[in-house]
Protein backbone atom coordinates (compact mmCIF):
# COMPACT_ATOMS: atom_id res chain seq x y z
CA MET A 1 0.00 0.00 0.00
CA ASN A 2 1.05 3.58 -0.59
CA LEU A 3 1.49 5.69 2.52
CA LYS A 4 -0.23 9.04 2.78
CA ILE A 5 2.44 11.71 3.32
CA ILE A 6 1.17 15.21 4.08
CA PRO A 7 3.46 18.26 4.39
CA VAL A 8 2.47 20.13 7.56
CA ASN A 9 4.86 23.07 7.83
CA PRO A 10 3.25 26.23 6.36
CA TYR A 11 6.63 27.82 5.59
CA SER A 12 8.27 24.93 3.73
CA SER A 13 6.78 22.01 1.82
CA GLU A 14 9.95 19.93 2.18
CA PHE A 15 10.73 20.11 5.89
CA VAL A 16 8.05 18.31 7.97
CA ALA A 17 5.44 15.75 6.95
CA GLU A 18 2.80 13.70 8.73
CA VAL A 19 2.72 10.07 7.66
CA GLU A 20 -0.46 8.00 7.75
CA CYS A 21 0.50 4.33 7.80
CA PRO A 22 -0.32 0.98 9.42
CA LYS A 23 0.79 0.24 12.95
CA LEU A 24 4.57 0.23 13.27
CA ALA A 25 4.44 -2.22 16.17
CA GLY A 26 4.12 -5.22 13.86
CA ASP A 27 5.99 -6.43 10.83
CA ILE A 28 5.57 -3.59 8.37
CA SER A 29 6.05 -4.50 4.73
CA ASN A 30 9.26 -3.77 2.86
CA GLN A 31 7.27 -1.47 0.60
CA CYS A 32 6.00 0.60 3.55
CA PHE A 33 9.45 0.85 5.09
CA GLU A 34 10.99 1.88 1.78
CA GLN A 35 8.42 4.67 1.51
CA ILE A 36 9.29 5.84 5.03
CA GLN A 37 12.99 5.87 4.14
CA ASN A 38 12.32 7.83 0.96
CA ALA A 39 10.15 10.31 2.86
CA LEU A 40 12.96 10.85 5.34
CA VAL A 41 15.21 11.82 2.43
CA SER A 42 12.63 14.22 0.99
CA TYR A 43 11.74 15.71 4.38
CA SER A 44 13.75 16.10 7.57
CA VAL A 45 11.01 15.41 10.15
CA LEU A 46 8.30 12.74 9.96
CA ILE A 47 5.33 12.58 12.35
CA PHE A 48 3.37 9.38 13.00
CA ARG A 49 0.21 9.71 15.11
CA ASN A 50 -1.39 7.00 17.24
CA GLN A 51 1.54 4.57 17.22
CA PRO A 52 1.58 2.83 20.64
CA LEU A 53 4.90 1.02 21.06
CA ASN A 54 6.58 -0.85 23.86
CA ASP A 55 10.36 -0.83 24.26
CA PHE A 56 10.90 -4.03 22.27
CA GLN A 57 8.73 -2.82 19.39
CA GLN A 58 10.47 0.55 19.24
CA LEU A 59 13.88 -1.11 19.23
CA GLU A 60 12.90 -3.57 16.49
CA PHE A 61 11.46 -0.84 14.28
CA SER A 62 14.48 1.40 14.85
CA LYS A 63 16.97 -1.33 13.93
CA LYS A 64 15.55 -1.34 10.41
CA PHE A 65 17.27 2.03 9.87
CA GLY A 66 20.71 0.87 10.98
CA LYS A 67 22.91 0.36 14.01
CA LEU A 68 21.62 1.88 17.26
CA GLU A 69 23.68 4.16 19.45
CA LYS A 70 24.13 3.35 23.12
CA ALA A 71 22.79 6.00 25.51
CA THR A 72 26.14 7.45 26.58
CA GLY A 73 25.10 11.10 26.51
CA ASP A 74 22.97 11.21 29.65
CA TYR A 75 23.87 11.91 33.26
CA MET A 76 22.71 8.67 34.85
CA LYS A 77 24.94 5.96 36.22
CA LEU A 78 24.35 2.49 34.83
CA GLU A 79 22.70 1.26 38.04
CA GLU A 80 20.31 4.23 37.97
CA ARG A 81 18.97 3.51 34.49
CA ARG A 82 15.41 2.25 34.12
CA LEU A 83 15.70 1.53 30.38
CA PRO A 84 17.97 -0.56 28.12
CA MET A 85 21.13 1.19 26.94
CA GLU A 86 19.74 1.50 23.41
CA LEU A 87 16.91 3.70 24.71
CA ASN A 88 17.53 7.29 25.77
CA ASP A 89 15.38 8.18 28.75
CA ILE A 90 13.73 11.50 27.90
CA SER A 91 11.71 11.74 31.09
CA ASN A 92 11.51 13.33 34.52
CA LEU A 93 11.48 9.93 36.26
CA ASN A 94 13.97 8.07 38.43
CA GLU A 95 14.78 4.35 38.23
CA ASN A 96 11.66 3.56 40.31
CA GLY A 97 9.35 5.52 38.02
CA ASP A 98 8.90 8.37 40.52
CA ILE A 99 9.03 12.02 39.47
CA LEU A 100 12.43 13.59 40.08
CA ASN A 101 12.86 16.45 42.52
CA ARG A 102 13.29 19.71 40.61
CA LEU A 103 16.83 20.07 42.08
CA ASP A 104 17.93 16.55 41.16
CA PRO A 105 21.14 16.77 39.06
CA LYS A 106 19.69 14.35 36.49
CA LEU A 107 16.74 16.68 35.90
CA LEU A 108 18.97 19.76 35.84
CA PHE A 109 21.29 18.09 33.31
CA SER A 110 18.31 17.22 31.11
CA LEU A 111 17.35 20.92 30.91
CA GLY A 112 20.09 21.17 28.31
CA ASN A 113 17.60 19.54 25.93
CA MET A 114 15.76 22.86 25.93
CA LEU A 115 18.69 24.46 24.12
CA TRP A 116 18.90 24.14 20.34
CA HIS A 117 21.00 21.09 19.52
CA SER A 118 21.60 18.16 17.22
CA ASP A 119 21.68 14.74 18.88
CA SER A 120 25.15 13.27 19.48
CA SER A 121 27.03 16.13 17.83
CA PHE A 122 29.44 15.65 20.75
CA LYS A 123 30.48 12.29 19.24
CA LYS A 124 33.18 12.01 16.57
CA ILE A 125 30.69 10.25 14.30
CA PRO A 126 27.42 12.06 15.02
CA ALA A 127 23.98 10.47 14.83
CA GLN A 128 21.94 10.03 11.68
CA TYR A 129 18.33 9.77 12.85
CA SER A 130 16.43 10.04 16.12
CA ILE A 131 13.15 8.22 16.79
CA LEU A 132 11.15 9.57 19.73
CA SER A 133 8.11 7.82 21.18
CA ALA A 134 5.69 9.62 23.50
CA ARG A 135 4.63 7.08 26.14
CA ASN A 136 3.16 9.50 28.69
CA ILE A 137 2.84 13.26 28.50
CA PRO A 138 1.72 16.01 30.91
CA SER A 139 -1.71 17.59 30.66
CA THR A 140 -0.02 20.62 29.09
CA LYS A 141 1.24 18.17 26.42
CA GLY A 142 4.66 19.69 25.85
CA LYS A 143 6.27 20.79 22.62
CA THR A 144 9.42 20.19 20.60
CA GLU A 145 10.68 22.65 18.00
CA PHE A 146 12.65 21.70 14.90
CA ALA A 147 14.83 24.06 12.84
CA ASP A 148 15.47 23.55 9.13
CA MET A 149 19.24 23.71 8.70
CA ARG A 150 19.06 23.23 4.93
CA GLY A 151 16.85 26.29 4.72
CA ALA A 152 19.15 28.15 7.11
CA TRP A 153 22.11 27.55 4.79
CA ARG A 154 20.11 28.38 1.69
CA GLU A 155 19.03 31.75 3.11
CA LEU A 156 22.46 32.88 4.30
CA ASP A 157 23.94 35.79 2.40
CA VAL A 158 26.84 34.87 0.12
CA SER A 159 29.49 36.68 2.18
CA THR A 160 28.53 34.72 5.31
CA LYS A 161 28.47 31.47 3.35
CA ARG A 162 31.97 32.21 2.14
CA LYS A 163 33.03 32.86 5.75
CA CYS A 164 31.54 29.55 6.96
CA ILE A 165 33.08 27.24 4.38
CA GLY A 166 35.95 25.20 5.81
CA LEU A 167 35.38 26.17 9.45
CA ILE A 168 35.55 23.49 12.12
CA THR A 169 33.77 23.79 15.46
CA GLU A 170 34.40 21.82 18.64
CA HIS A 171 31.42 20.16 20.34
CA SER A 172 31.00 18.95 23.91
CA GLN A 173 28.21 18.66 26.46
CA ILE A 174 30.45 20.70 28.74
CA TYR A 175 29.71 23.70 26.50
CA SER A 176 25.93 23.18 26.33
CA ARG A 177 25.50 22.55 30.06
CA GLY A 178 27.87 25.40 30.81
CA ILE A 179 25.41 27.77 29.15
CA LEU A 180 22.98 26.87 31.95
CA GLY A 181 25.62 27.09 34.67
CA PHE A 182 25.60 23.31 35.20
CA ASP A 183 29.04 22.00 36.15
CA GLU A 184 28.36 19.05 38.49
CA PHE A 185 30.55 16.54 36.66
CA SER A 186 32.76 13.82 38.06
CA SER A 187 36.30 13.39 36.75
CA ASP A 188 35.13 10.32 34.81
CA GLN A 189 32.29 12.27 33.23
CA LEU A 190 34.60 15.11 32.24
CA ALA A 191 37.02 12.62 30.69
CA GLY A 192 34.19 11.35 28.48
CA MET A 193 33.20 14.85 27.35
CA LYS A 194 36.34 15.96 25.55
CA PRO A 195 35.46 18.26 22.63
CA VAL A 196 35.20 16.67 19.18
CA PRO A 197 35.56 18.44 15.81
CA GLN A 198 32.58 18.98 13.52
CA ALA A 199 32.17 20.83 10.24
CA LEU A 200 30.24 24.10 10.43
CA VAL A 201 28.84 23.38 6.96
CA ARG A 202 28.10 19.75 6.20
CA ARG A 203 27.04 17.85 3.11
CA HIS A 204 24.26 15.31 3.51
CA PRO A 205 25.59 11.85 2.58
CA LYS A 206 22.40 10.91 0.69
CA THR A 207 20.97 14.11 -0.77
CA LYS A 208 24.36 15.88 -1.13
CA ARG A 209 22.63 19.07 -0.02
CA LEU A 210 24.45 21.49 2.26
CA SER A 211 23.27 22.61 5.68
CA LEU A 212 24.58 24.53 8.65
CA TYR A 213 25.72 22.25 11.46
CA LEU A 214 24.95 24.11 14.66
CA SER A 215 24.25 23.02 18.23
CA SER A 216 24.47 24.33 21.77
CA HIS A 217 27.23 21.72 22.11
CA ALA A 218 29.39 23.83 19.75
CA GLY A 219 31.65 25.95 21.95
CA ILE A 220 34.46 27.31 19.82
CA ILE A 221 35.63 27.58 16.21
CA ARG A 222 39.11 26.23 15.63
CA ASP A 223 41.79 28.91 15.27
CA TRP A 224 39.35 31.59 16.49
CA SER A 225 39.22 33.20 19.92
CA MET A 226 36.43 32.09 22.24
CA PRO A 227 34.64 35.49 22.22
CA GLU A 228 34.78 35.77 18.42
CA SER A 229 33.61 32.17 18.06
CA ARG A 230 30.67 32.60 20.42
CA LEU A 231 29.49 35.81 18.76
CA PHE A 232 29.56 34.28 15.28
CA LEU A 233 27.80 31.11 16.45
CA ILE A 234 25.14 33.17 18.24
CA ASP A 235 24.49 35.10 15.03
CA LEU A 236 24.20 31.89 13.01
CA ASN A 237 21.85 30.33 15.57
CA GLU A 238 19.62 33.40 15.53
CA HIS A 239 19.49 33.20 11.74
CA ALA A 240 18.78 29.45 11.72
CA THR A 241 15.91 29.64 14.22
CA GLN A 242 13.83 32.37 12.62
CA LYS A 243 10.11 31.67 12.81
CA HIS A 244 9.73 30.63 9.17
CA LEU A 245 12.53 28.04 9.56
CA VAL A 246 11.02 26.41 12.67
CA TYR A 247 8.26 23.84 13.10
CA ARG A 248 6.69 23.36 16.55
CA HIS A 249 5.33 19.91 17.33
CA VAL A 250 2.65 19.62 20.03
CA TRP A 251 2.87 16.15 21.53
CA GLU A 252 0.00 13.70 21.87
CA LYS A 253 0.33 10.38 23.63
CA ASN A 254 1.63 7.65 21.28
CA ASP A 255 3.10 10.10 18.79
CA LEU A 256 6.26 8.86 17.11
CA VAL A 257 8.54 11.45 15.52
CA ILE A 258 11.58 10.66 13.37
CA TRP A 259 14.06 13.36 12.42
CA ASP A 260 17.31 13.62 10.51
CA ASN A 261 20.04 15.08 12.70
CA GLN A 262 22.09 15.72 9.56
CA SER A 263 19.77 18.54 8.48
CA THR A 264 17.95 19.74 11.62
CA MET A 265 18.32 21.16 15.10
CA HIS A 266 15.68 20.74 17.77
CA ARG A 267 14.84 21.71 21.33
CA ALA A 268 12.26 20.77 23.93
CA LYS A 269 10.00 23.45 25.37
CA SER A 270 9.07 23.80 29.03
CA TYR A 271 6.46 21.52 30.58
CA ASN A 272 4.88 20.85 33.98
CA ILE A 273 7.70 19.02 35.80
CA HIS A 274 5.27 17.94 38.54
CA GLN A 275 3.48 15.63 36.10
CA ILE A 276 4.90 12.53 34.44
CA ARG A 277 6.66 13.12 31.14
CA ASP A 278 7.94 9.89 29.60
CA LEU A 279 9.39 9.89 26.10
CA ARG A 280 11.91 7.33 24.85
CA ARG A 281 14.39 7.87 22.05
CA THR A 282 16.29 5.47 19.88
CA THR A 283 19.17 6.94 17.92
CA ILE A 284 20.54 5.62 14.63
CA ALA A 285 24.32 5.78 14.62
CA GLY A 286 26.09 7.79 11.97
CA LYS A 287 28.44 6.29 9.41
CA ILE A 288 30.68 9.18 8.46
CA SER A 289 32.37 12.13 10.14
CA SER A 290 30.97 15.55 9.27
CA ILE A 291 34.58 16.57 8.60
CA LYS A 292 34.96 14.01 5.80
CA ASN A 293 31.81 15.27 4.11
CA MET A 294 32.43 19.02 4.48
CA PRO A 295 32.83 21.33 1.47
CA LEU A 296 36.26 22.94 1.38
CA ASN A 297 36.04 25.28 -1.59
CA PHE A 298 33.49 28.05 -1.95
CA GLU A 299 33.75 28.32 -5.72
CA ALA A 300 33.17 24.58 -6.16
CA ILE A 301 29.75 24.81 -4.51
CA GLU A 302 28.74 28.23 -5.79
CA GLU A 303 26.31 26.75 -8.29
CA GLN A 304 24.23 25.48 -5.36
CA PHE A 305 23.40 29.00 -4.25
């Protein structure tokens, strides 16, 4: 059967789409999965409504896209985890399923998700896709915003594009959490958060389209001073998150959202922390460094402007 794919972003017909399809919890046909894959190339964010999944079903569906990342980017110790390592715990719950105190370091660390970011940009090989399942949401529902980084690159003026080409940024969760004043890290945690290089402009491995590669994890541009780096990155982030480049998703229980980290940024919005919020994310591991796929010569890509 052919899936019904409906663009939902009023500002861009190629950024976000809602997909009407059979239940993903079972064995979906190869034809259906191929259509989902193709849609993820055409768009950057796909929304599936009314898709109740348990952990096993989410993991099995996610594995169809490729190798899964292990959840190494959270604050919890192994013995404090309530989910398998292949599932990122996007919740306000402890290992017993109780709501965390608002001053709990795990909850404070998770507030970094409310800054614009791209998942796993702090890894040498950053993530491809993220698949987020809404198991339980507050009465206020909660929202996640997505920014179109292909559109952000396309709309940059030529002089700024020329300035961006060839630049390398360094990404670490130390930078993103530092923005919020969070610095409660053990020596072992700090050792695992050493900055990694990422291209400021990246080429998508499938579409070959260019996009800005920004994130709150990006702290400095190589060979630039920290103040100059921060100012330039702030300007680029302001440009990339203009209203017409952003889609806001309002969560319903059993929503499943898939996005391409290679062409988007996202951030969570505030919610009622006194009510249960339980979302679970699987992350498809990347295959190539953003550095290896970065454009190096402005003139060689000028025809894409």
